[in-house]
Amino acid sequence: MKTKGIPAVVMLLAGFVTCIIGIVQHMETDVFIKTLLAVLIIFYLLGCIVKLVLDKNFKEMDEPEENQEESGEEQTQEQSDSDGEKKSE
């Protein structure tokens, strides 16, 4: 799964919500900018944590499938080797 953009999406979504709330509440510019900066930093870090958790879980999910595929390939090779020996005899 492609998780590269998750921190940016989370950060931008939180920033968008903050902008809407700031406009509706008629916040002053300096207070709004400080709030927006804090929100963007916090939610970027949260997005990075979410990305790490997803990467770790998807990696663990992919490993058993790869192990099954490798063991299936080894069994196929062993069967073809034993079939070749039987034909040559």
Protein backbone atom coordinates (compact mmCIF):
# COMPACT_ATOMS: atom_id res chain seq x y z
CA MET A 1 0.00 0.00 0.00
CA LYS A 2 1.27 3.45 -0.84
CA THR A 3 1.40 5.43 2.39
CA LYS A 4 3.79 8.16 1.35
CA GLY A 5 1.15 10.91 1.20
CA ILE A 6 -0.70 10.13 4.41
CA PRO A 7 1.10 12.69 6.65
CA ALA A 8 0.53 15.47 4.12
CA VAL A 9 -3.15 14.61 3.64
CA VAL A 10 -3.78 14.50 7.40
CA MET A 11 -1.94 17.79 7.91
CA LEU A 12 -3.73 19.58 5.06
CA LEU A 13 -7.14 18.32 6.15
CA ALA A 14 -6.54 19.57 9.70
CA GLY A 15 -5.31 22.90 8.30
CA PHE A 16 -8.43 23.23 6.16
CA VAL A 17 -10.69 22.60 9.16
CA THR A 18 -8.69 25.13 11.18
CA CYS A 19 -9.10 27.73 8.42
CA ILE A 20 -12.86 27.20 8.29
CA ILE A 21 -13.15 27.50 12.08
CA GLY A 22 -10.95 30.62 12.07
CA ILE A 23 -13.10 32.29 9.42
CA VAL A 24 -16.37 31.42 11.16
CA GLN A 25 -15.12 32.67 14.55
CA HIS A 26 -13.55 35.84 13.07
CA MET A 27 -10.17 35.13 14.68
CA GLU A 28 -7.49 37.79 14.64
CA THR A 29 -4.68 37.21 12.16
CA ASP A 30 -1.83 36.73 14.62
CA VAL A 31 -3.82 34.29 16.77
CA PHE A 32 -4.99 32.45 13.65
CA ILE A 33 -1.48 32.06 12.24
CA LYS A 34 -0.08 30.74 15.53
CA THR A 35 -2.98 28.31 15.86
CA LEU A 36 -2.64 27.17 12.25
CA LEU A 37 1.10 26.60 12.61
CA ALA A 38 0.61 24.54 15.77
CA VAL A 39 -2.17 22.48 14.16
CA LEU A 40 -0.10 21.79 11.03
CA ILE A 41 2.93 20.63 13.03
CA ILE A 42 0.90 18.45 15.42
CA PHE A 43 -1.16 16.80 12.70
CA TYR A 44 1.90 16.23 10.49
CA LEU A 45 3.50 14.31 13.37
CA LEU A 46 0.28 12.35 13.91
CA GLY A 47 0.18 11.55 10.19
CA CYS A 48 3.77 10.26 10.37
CA ILE A 49 2.83 7.99 13.26
CA VAL A 50 -0.18 6.67 11.33
CA LYS A 51 2.06 6.04 8.31
CA LEU A 52 4.56 4.07 10.40
CA VAL A 53 1.81 1.94 11.94
CA LEU A 54 0.27 1.20 8.53
CA ASP A 55 3.65 0.37 6.97
CA LYS A 56 4.48 -1.99 9.82
CA ASN A 57 1.12 -3.78 9.69
CA PHE A 58 1.07 -4.14 5.90
CA LYS A 59 4.65 -5.43 5.96
CA GLU A 60 3.63 -8.11 8.47
CA MET A 61 0.63 -9.02 6.32
CA ASP A 62 2.78 -9.36 3.18
CA GLU A 63 5.45 -11.56 4.79
CA PRO A 64 3.24 -14.67 5.32
CA GLU A 65 2.06 -14.49 1.70
CA GLU A 66 5.65 -14.28 0.45
CA ASN A 67 6.65 -17.25 2.62
CA GLN A 68 3.76 -19.29 1.23
CA GLU A 69 4.70 -18.35 -2.35
CA GLU A 70 8.36 -19.28 -1.76
CA SER A 71 7.48 -22.64 -0.23
CA GLY A 72 5.09 -23.28 -3.13
CA GLU A 73 7.84 -22.53 -5.63
CA GLU A 74 10.27 -24.82 -3.80
CA GLN A 75 7.73 -27.65 -3.82
CA THR A 76 7.11 -27.12 -7.54
CA GLN A 77 10.85 -27.22 -8.25
CA GLU A 78 11.28 -30.37 -6.16
CA GLN A 79 8.39 -32.04 -7.98
CA SER A 80 9.78 -31.10 -11.39
CA ASP A 81 13.23 -32.36 -10.35
CA SER A 82 11.83 -35.68 -9.17
CA ASP A 83 9.71 -35.98 -12.34
CA GLY A 84 12.81 -35.37 -14.47
CA GLU A 85 14.71 -38.10 -12.61
CA LYS A 86 11.88 -40.56 -13.14
CA LYS A 87 11.73 -39.82 -16.87
CA SER A 88 15.48 -40.24 -17.31
CA GLU A 89 15.44 -43.65 -15.59
